[in-house]
PDB file of N, CA and C in Angstrom:
ATOM      1  N   UNK A   1      29.292   2.266 -25.475  1.00  0.00           N
ATOM      2  CA  UNK A   1      30.311   1.247 -25.525  1.00  0.00           C
ATOM      3  C   UNK A   1      29.649  -0.120 -25.325  1.00  0.00           C
ATOM      4  N   UNK A   2      30.038  -1.097 -26.155  1.00  0.00           N
ATOM      5  CA  UNK A   2      29.504  -2.446 -26.017  1.00  0.00           C
ATOM      6  C   UNK A   2      30.028  -3.102 -24.753  1.00  0.00           C
ATOM      7  N   UNK A   3      29.303  -4.098 -24.271  1.00  0.00           N
ATOM      8  CA  UNK A   3      29.724  -4.831 -23.078  1.00  0.00           C
ATOM      9  C   UNK A   3      31.116  -5.432 -23.245  1.00  0.00           C
ATOM     10  N   UNK A   4      31.398  -5.961 -24.444  1.00  0.00           N
ATOM     11  CA  UNK A   4      32.697  -6.583 -24.696  1.00  0.00           C
ATOM     12  C   UNK A   4      33.808  -5.550 -24.588  1.00  0.00           C
ATOM     13  N   UNK A   5      33.603  -4.395 -25.179  1.00  0.00           N
ATOM     14  CA  UNK A   5      34.611  -3.337 -25.114  1.00  0.00           C
ATOM     15  C   UNK A   5      34.848  -2.898 -23.674  1.00  0.00           C
ATOM     16  N   UNK A   6      33.783  -2.768 -22.895  1.00  0.00           N
ATOM     17  CA  UNK A   6      33.918  -2.393 -21.491  1.00  0.00           C
ATOM     18  C   UNK A   6      34.668  -3.465 -20.720  1.00  0.00           C
ATOM     19  N   UNK A   7      34.364  -4.737 -20.983  1.00  0.00           N
ATOM     20  CA  UNK A   7      35.059  -5.838 -20.328  1.00  0.00           C
ATOM     21  C   UNK A   7      36.555  -5.792 -20.615  1.00  0.00           C
ATOM     22  N   UNK A   8      36.908  -5.624 -21.891  1.00  0.00           N
ATOM     23  CA  UNK A   8      38.324  -5.592 -22.263  1.00  0.00           C
ATOM     24  C   UNK A   8      39.048  -4.425 -21.609  1.00  0.00           C
ATOM     25  N   UNK A   9      38.406  -3.274 -21.577  1.00  0.00           N
ATOM     26  CA  UNK A   9      39.021  -2.097 -20.974  1.00  0.00           C
ATOM     27  C   UNK A   9      39.234  -2.298 -19.474  1.00  0.00           C
ATOM     28  N   UNK A  10      38.238  -2.835 -18.793  1.00  0.00           N
ATOM     29  CA  UNK A  10      38.331  -3.009 -17.350  1.00  0.00           C
ATOM     30  C   UNK A  10      39.234  -4.174 -16.943  1.00  0.00           C
ATOM     31  N   UNK A  11      39.282  -5.220 -17.760  1.00  0.00           N
ATOM     32  CA  UNK A  11      40.067  -6.406 -17.401  1.00  0.00           C
ATOM     33  C   UNK A  11      41.550  -6.244 -17.687  1.00  0.00           C
ATOM     34  N   UNK A  12      41.882  -5.401 -18.653  1.00  0.00           N
ATOM     35  CA  UNK A  12      43.278  -5.236 -19.024  1.00  0.00           C
ATOM     36  C   UNK A  12      43.841  -6.410 -19.810  1.00  0.00           C
ATOM     37  N   UNK A  13      42.987  -7.302 -20.286  1.00  0.00           N
ATOM     38  CA  UNK A  13      43.436  -8.456 -21.070  1.00  0.00           C
ATOM     39  C   UNK A  13      44.052  -8.016 -22.386  1.00  0.00           C
ATOM     40  N   UNK A  14      45.117  -8.694 -22.762  1.00  0.00           N
ATOM     41  CA  UNK A  14      45.743  -8.416 -24.052  1.00  0.00           C
ATOM     42  C   UNK A  14      45.572  -9.588 -25.004  1.00  0.00           C
ATOM     43  N   UNK A  15      44.755 -10.544 -24.618  1.00  0.00           N
ATOM     44  CA  UNK A  15      44.473 -11.681 -25.471  1.00  0.00           C
ATOM     45  C   UNK A  15      43.409 -11.304 -26.491  1.00  0.00           C
ATOM     46  N   UNK A  16      43.387 -12.003 -27.641  1.00  0.00           N
ATOM     47  CA  UNK A  16      42.303 -11.749 -28.591  1.00  0.00           C
ATOM     48  C   UNK A  16      40.965 -12.071 -27.945  1.00  0.00           C
ATOM     49  N   UNK A  17      40.001 -11.236 -28.148  1.00  0.00           N
ATOM     50  CA  UNK A  17      38.683 -11.441 -27.569  1.00  0.00           C
ATOM     51  C   UNK A  17      37.636 -11.136 -28.634  1.00  0.00           C
ATOM     52  N   UNK A  18      36.684 -12.045 -28.792  1.00  0.00           N
ATOM     53  CA  UNK A  18      35.624 -11.879 -29.781  1.00  0.00           C
ATOM     54  C   UNK A  18      34.298 -12.077 -29.069  1.00  0.00           C
ATOM     55  N   UNK A  19      33.460 -11.073 -29.100  1.00  0.00           N
ATOM     56  CA  UNK A  19      32.121 -11.199 -28.531  1.00  0.00           C
ATOM     57  C   UNK A  19      31.227 -11.932 -29.509  1.00  0.00           C
ATOM     58  N   UNK A  20      30.616 -13.017 -29.065  1.00  0.00           N
ATOM     59  CA  UNK A  20      29.762 -13.824 -29.939  1.00  0.00           C
ATOM     60  C   UNK A  20      28.384 -14.016 -29.330  1.00  0.00           C
ATOM     61  N   UNK A  21      27.449 -14.389 -30.173  1.00  0.00           N
ATOM     62  CA  UNK A  21      26.108 -14.733 -29.716  1.00  0.00           C
ATOM     63  C   UNK A  21      25.669 -16.001 -30.423  1.00  0.00           C
ATOM     64  N   UNK A  22      25.449 -17.064 -29.638  1.00  0.00           N
ATOM     65  CA  UNK A  22      24.943 -18.308 -30.216  1.00  0.00           C
ATOM     66  C   UNK A  22      23.496 -18.130 -30.668  1.00  0.00           C
ATOM     67  N   UNK A  23      22.766 -17.247 -30.008  1.00  0.00           N
ATOM     68  CA  UNK A  23      21.364 -17.020 -30.352  1.00  0.00           C
ATOM     69  C   UNK A  23      21.233 -16.363 -31.727  1.00  0.00           C
ATOM     70  N   UNK A  24      22.019 -15.312 -31.974  1.00  0.00           N
ATOM     71  CA  UNK A  24      21.889 -14.584 -33.238  1.00  0.00           C
ATOM     72  C   UNK A  24      22.932 -14.989 -34.266  1.00  0.00           C
ATOM     73  N   UNK A  25      23.995 -15.686 -33.818  1.00  0.00           N
ATOM     74  CA  UNK A  25      25.069 -16.058 -34.735  1.00  0.00           C
ATOM     75  C   UNK A  25      26.095 -14.964 -34.925  1.00  0.00           C
ATOM     76  N   UNK A  26      25.952 -13.882 -34.168  1.00  0.00           N
ATOM     77  CA  UNK A  26      26.848 -12.725 -34.307  1.00  0.00           C
ATOM     78  C   UNK A  26      28.299 -13.133 -34.039  1.00  0.00           C
ATOM     79  N   UNK A  27      29.170 -12.829 -34.983  1.00  0.00           N
ATOM     80  CA  UNK A  27      30.621 -12.999 -34.894  1.00  0.00           C
ATOM     81  C   UNK A  27      31.094 -14.444 -34.776  1.00  0.00           C
ATOM     82  N   UNK A  28      30.269 -15.432 -35.068  1.00  0.00           N
ATOM     83  CA  UNK A  28      30.727 -16.819 -34.984  1.00  0.00           C
ATOM     84  C   UNK A  28      31.834 -17.085 -36.001  1.00  0.00           C
ATOM     85  N   UNK A  29      31.705 -16.539 -37.205  1.00  0.00           N
ATOM     86  CA  UNK A  29      32.748 -16.722 -38.213  1.00  0.00           C
ATOM     87  C   UNK A  29      34.044 -16.053 -37.761  1.00  0.00           C
ATOM     88  N   UNK A  30      33.931 -14.874 -37.188  1.00  0.00           N
ATOM     89  CA  UNK A  30      35.119 -14.175 -36.688  1.00  0.00           C
ATOM     90  C   UNK A  30      35.778 -14.979 -35.561  1.00  0.00           C
ATOM     91  N   UNK A  31      34.978 -15.613 -34.714  1.00  0.00           N
ATOM     92  CA  UNK A  31      35.524 -16.450 -33.642  1.00  0.00           C
ATOM     93  C   UNK A  31      36.334 -17.603 -34.219  1.00  0.00           C
ATOM     94  N   UNK A  32      35.784 -18.280 -35.226  1.00  0.00           N
ATOM     95  CA  UNK A  32      36.497 -19.392 -35.852  1.00  0.00           C
ATOM     96  C   UNK A  32      37.805 -18.930 -36.476  1.00  0.00           C
ATOM     97  N   UNK A  33      37.779 -17.800 -37.174  1.00  0.00           N
ATOM     98  CA  UNK A  33      38.994 -17.267 -37.788  1.00  0.00           C
ATOM     99  C   UNK A  33      40.040 -16.940 -36.720  1.00  0.00           C
ATOM    100  N   UNK A  34      39.607 -16.354 -35.615  1.00  0.00           N
ATOM    101  CA  UNK A  34      40.527 -15.993 -34.534  1.00  0.00           C
ATOM    102  C   UNK A  34      41.125 -17.236 -33.894  1.00  0.00           C
ATOM    103  N   UNK A  35      40.297 -18.249 -33.631  1.00  0.00           N
ATOM    104  CA  UNK A  35      40.798 -19.500 -33.054  1.00  0.00           C
ATOM    105  C   UNK A  35      41.829 -20.148 -33.964  1.00  0.00           C
ATOM    106  N   UNK A  36      41.552 -20.179 -35.256  1.00  0.00           N
ATOM    107  CA  UNK A  36      42.477 -20.782 -36.215  1.00  0.00           C
ATOM    108  C   UNK A  36      43.795 -20.005 -36.250  1.00  0.00           C
ATOM    109  N   UNK A  37      43.691 -18.693 -36.334  1.00  0.00           N
ATOM    110  CA  UNK A  37      44.895 -17.847 -36.417  1.00  0.00           C
ATOM    111  C   UNK A  37      45.747 -17.989 -35.151  1.00  0.00           C
ATOM    112  N   UNK A  38      45.134 -17.958 -33.987  1.00  0.00           N
ATOM    113  CA  UNK A  38      45.871 -17.996 -32.731  1.00  0.00           C
ATOM    114  C   UNK A  38      46.408 -19.389 -32.392  1.00  0.00           C
ATOM    115  N   UNK A  39      45.817 -20.427 -32.964  1.00  0.00           N
ATOM    116  CA  UNK A  39      46.262 -21.791 -32.650  1.00  0.00           C
ATOM    117  C   UNK A  39      47.576 -22.143 -33.332  1.00  0.00           C
ATOM    118  N   UNK A  40      47.890 -21.458 -34.419  1.00  0.00           N
ATOM    119  CA  UNK A  40      49.134 -21.730 -35.128  1.00  0.00           C
ATOM    120  C   UNK A  40      49.106 -23.032 -35.913  1.00  0.00           C
ATOM    121  N   UNK A  41      47.911 -23.543 -36.191  1.00  0.00           N
ATOM    122  CA  UNK A  41      47.776 -24.802 -36.923  1.00  0.00           C
ATOM    123  C   UNK A  41      48.131 -24.587 -38.391  1.00  0.00           C
ATOM    124  N   UNK A  42      48.901 -25.518 -38.919  1.00  0.00           N
ATOM    125  CA  UNK A  42      49.223 -25.510 -40.346  1.00  0.00           C
ATOM    126  C   UNK A  42      48.754 -26.835 -40.910  1.00  0.00           C
ATOM    127  N   UNK A  43      48.022 -26.790 -42.000  1.00  0.00           N
ATOM    128  CA  UNK A  43      47.518 -28.009 -42.607  1.00  0.00           C
ATOM    129  C   UNK A  43      48.310 -28.298 -43.880  1.00  0.00           C
ATOM    130  N   UNK A  44      48.731 -29.541 -44.026  1.00  0.00           N
ATOM    131  CA  UNK A  44      49.458 -29.951 -45.232  1.00  0.00           C
ATOM    132  C   UNK A  44      48.913 -31.300 -45.695  1.00  0.00           C
ATOM    133  N   UNK A  45      48.478 -31.359 -46.940  1.00  0.00           N
ATOM    134  CA  UNK A  45      48.067 -32.621 -47.556  1.00  0.00           C
ATOM    135  C   UNK A  45      49.228 -33.112 -48.407  1.00  0.00           C
ATOM    136  N   UNK A  46      49.620 -34.358 -48.209  1.00  0.00           N
ATOM    137  CA  UNK A  46      50.671 -34.920 -49.045  1.00  0.00           C
ATOM    138  C   UNK A  46      50.059 -35.898 -50.029  1.00  0.00           C
ATOM    139  N   UNK A  47      50.700 -36.038 -51.170  1.00  0.00           N
ATOM    140  CA  UNK A  47      50.191 -36.958 -52.182  1.00  0.00           C
ATOM    141  C   UNK A  47      51.332 -37.356 -53.102  1.00  0.00           C
ATOM    142  N   UNK A  48      51.165 -38.473 -53.746  1.00  0.00           N
ATOM    143  CA  UNK A  48      52.123 -38.903 -54.754  1.00  0.00           C
ATOM    144  C   UNK A  48      51.930 -38.045 -56.001  1.00  0.00           C
ATOM    145  N   UNK A  49      52.996 -37.742 -56.725  1.00  0.00           N
ATOM    146  CA  UNK A  49      52.859 -36.937 -57.953  1.00  0.00           C
ATOM    147  C   UNK A  49      51.839 -37.558 -58.911  1.00  0.00           C
ATOM    148  N   UNK A  50      50.936 -36.712 -59.402  1.00  0.00           N
ATOM    149  CA  UNK A  50      49.939 -37.149 -60.378  1.00  0.00           C
ATOM    150  C   UNK A  50      48.736 -37.853 -59.787  1.00  0.00           C
ATOM    151  N   UNK A  51      48.686 -37.989 -58.467  1.00  0.00           N
ATOM    152  CA  UNK A  51      47.556 -38.660 -57.827  1.00  0.00           C
ATOM    153  C   UNK A  51      46.829 -37.709 -56.892  1.00  0.00           C
ATOM    154  N   UNK A  52      45.570 -38.054 -56.590  1.00  0.00           N
ATOM    155  CA  UNK A  52      44.767 -37.270 -55.650  1.00  0.00           C
ATOM    156  C   UNK A  52      45.267 -37.531 -54.230  1.00  0.00           C
ATOM    157  N   UNK A  53      45.111 -36.548 -53.333  1.00  0.00           N
ATOM    158  CA  UNK A  53      45.503 -36.770 -51.925  1.00  0.00           C
ATOM    159  C   UNK A  53      44.669 -37.880 -51.295  1.00  0.00           C
ATOM    160  N   UNK A  54      45.278 -38.670 -50.428  1.00  0.00           N
ATOM    161  CA  UNK A  54      44.571 -39.721 -49.703  1.00  0.00           C
ATOM    162  C   UNK A  54      44.034 -39.095 -48.420  1.00  0.00           C
ATOM    163  N   UNK A  55      42.744 -38.824 -48.371  1.00  0.00           N
ATOM    164  CA  UNK A  55      42.135 -38.168 -47.218  1.00  0.00           C
ATOM    165  C   UNK A  55      41.359 -39.152 -46.360  1.00  0.00           C
ATOM    166  N   UNK A  56      41.600 -40.414 -46.534  1.00  0.00           N
ATOM    167  CA  UNK A  56      40.901 -41.435 -45.742  1.00  0.00           C
ATOM    168  C   UNK A  56      41.233 -41.238 -44.262  1.00  0.00           C
ATOM    169  N   UNK A  57      40.197 -41.207 -43.443  1.00  0.00           N
ATOM    170  CA  UNK A  57      40.398 -41.095 -42.017  1.00  0.00           C
ATOM    171  C   UNK A  57      40.584 -39.684 -41.501  1.00  0.00           C
ATOM    172  N   UNK A  58      40.601 -38.689 -42.377  1.00  0.00           N
ATOM    173  CA  UNK A  58      40.797 -37.325 -41.902  1.00  0.00           C
ATOM    174  C   UNK A  58      39.486 -36.551 -41.784  1.00  0.00           C
ATOM    175  N   UNK A  59      38.374 -37.184 -42.196  1.00  0.00           N
ATOM    176  CA  UNK A  59      37.074 -36.541 -42.075  1.00  0.00           C
ATOM    177  C   UNK A  59      36.763 -35.551 -43.175  1.00  0.00           C
ATOM    178  N   UNK A  60      37.536 -35.566 -44.248  1.00  0.00           N
ATOM    179  CA  UNK A  60      37.309 -34.643 -45.368  1.00  0.00           C
ATOM    180  C   UNK A  60      36.983 -35.450 -46.613  1.00  0.00           C
ATOM    181  N   UNK A  61      35.933 -34.989 -47.315  1.00  0.00           N
ATOM    182  CA  UNK A  61      35.541 -35.490 -48.600  1.00  0.00           C
ATOM    183  C   UNK A  61      35.566 -36.924 -48.802  1.00  0.00           C
TER     184      UNK A  61
END
């Protein structure tokens, strides 16, 4: 049994838990997906019909 599995079993936590390693990069993508899913964030870009979205100041493109 992995350390993470043993921790979850012994702690009784019902929260999402992802074991990660900054050294090897193990499960970092899964961590990001879990954080996004659990945060409930919804992203919406608005734009005028026929024009590109105005992303000034949002840190994208």
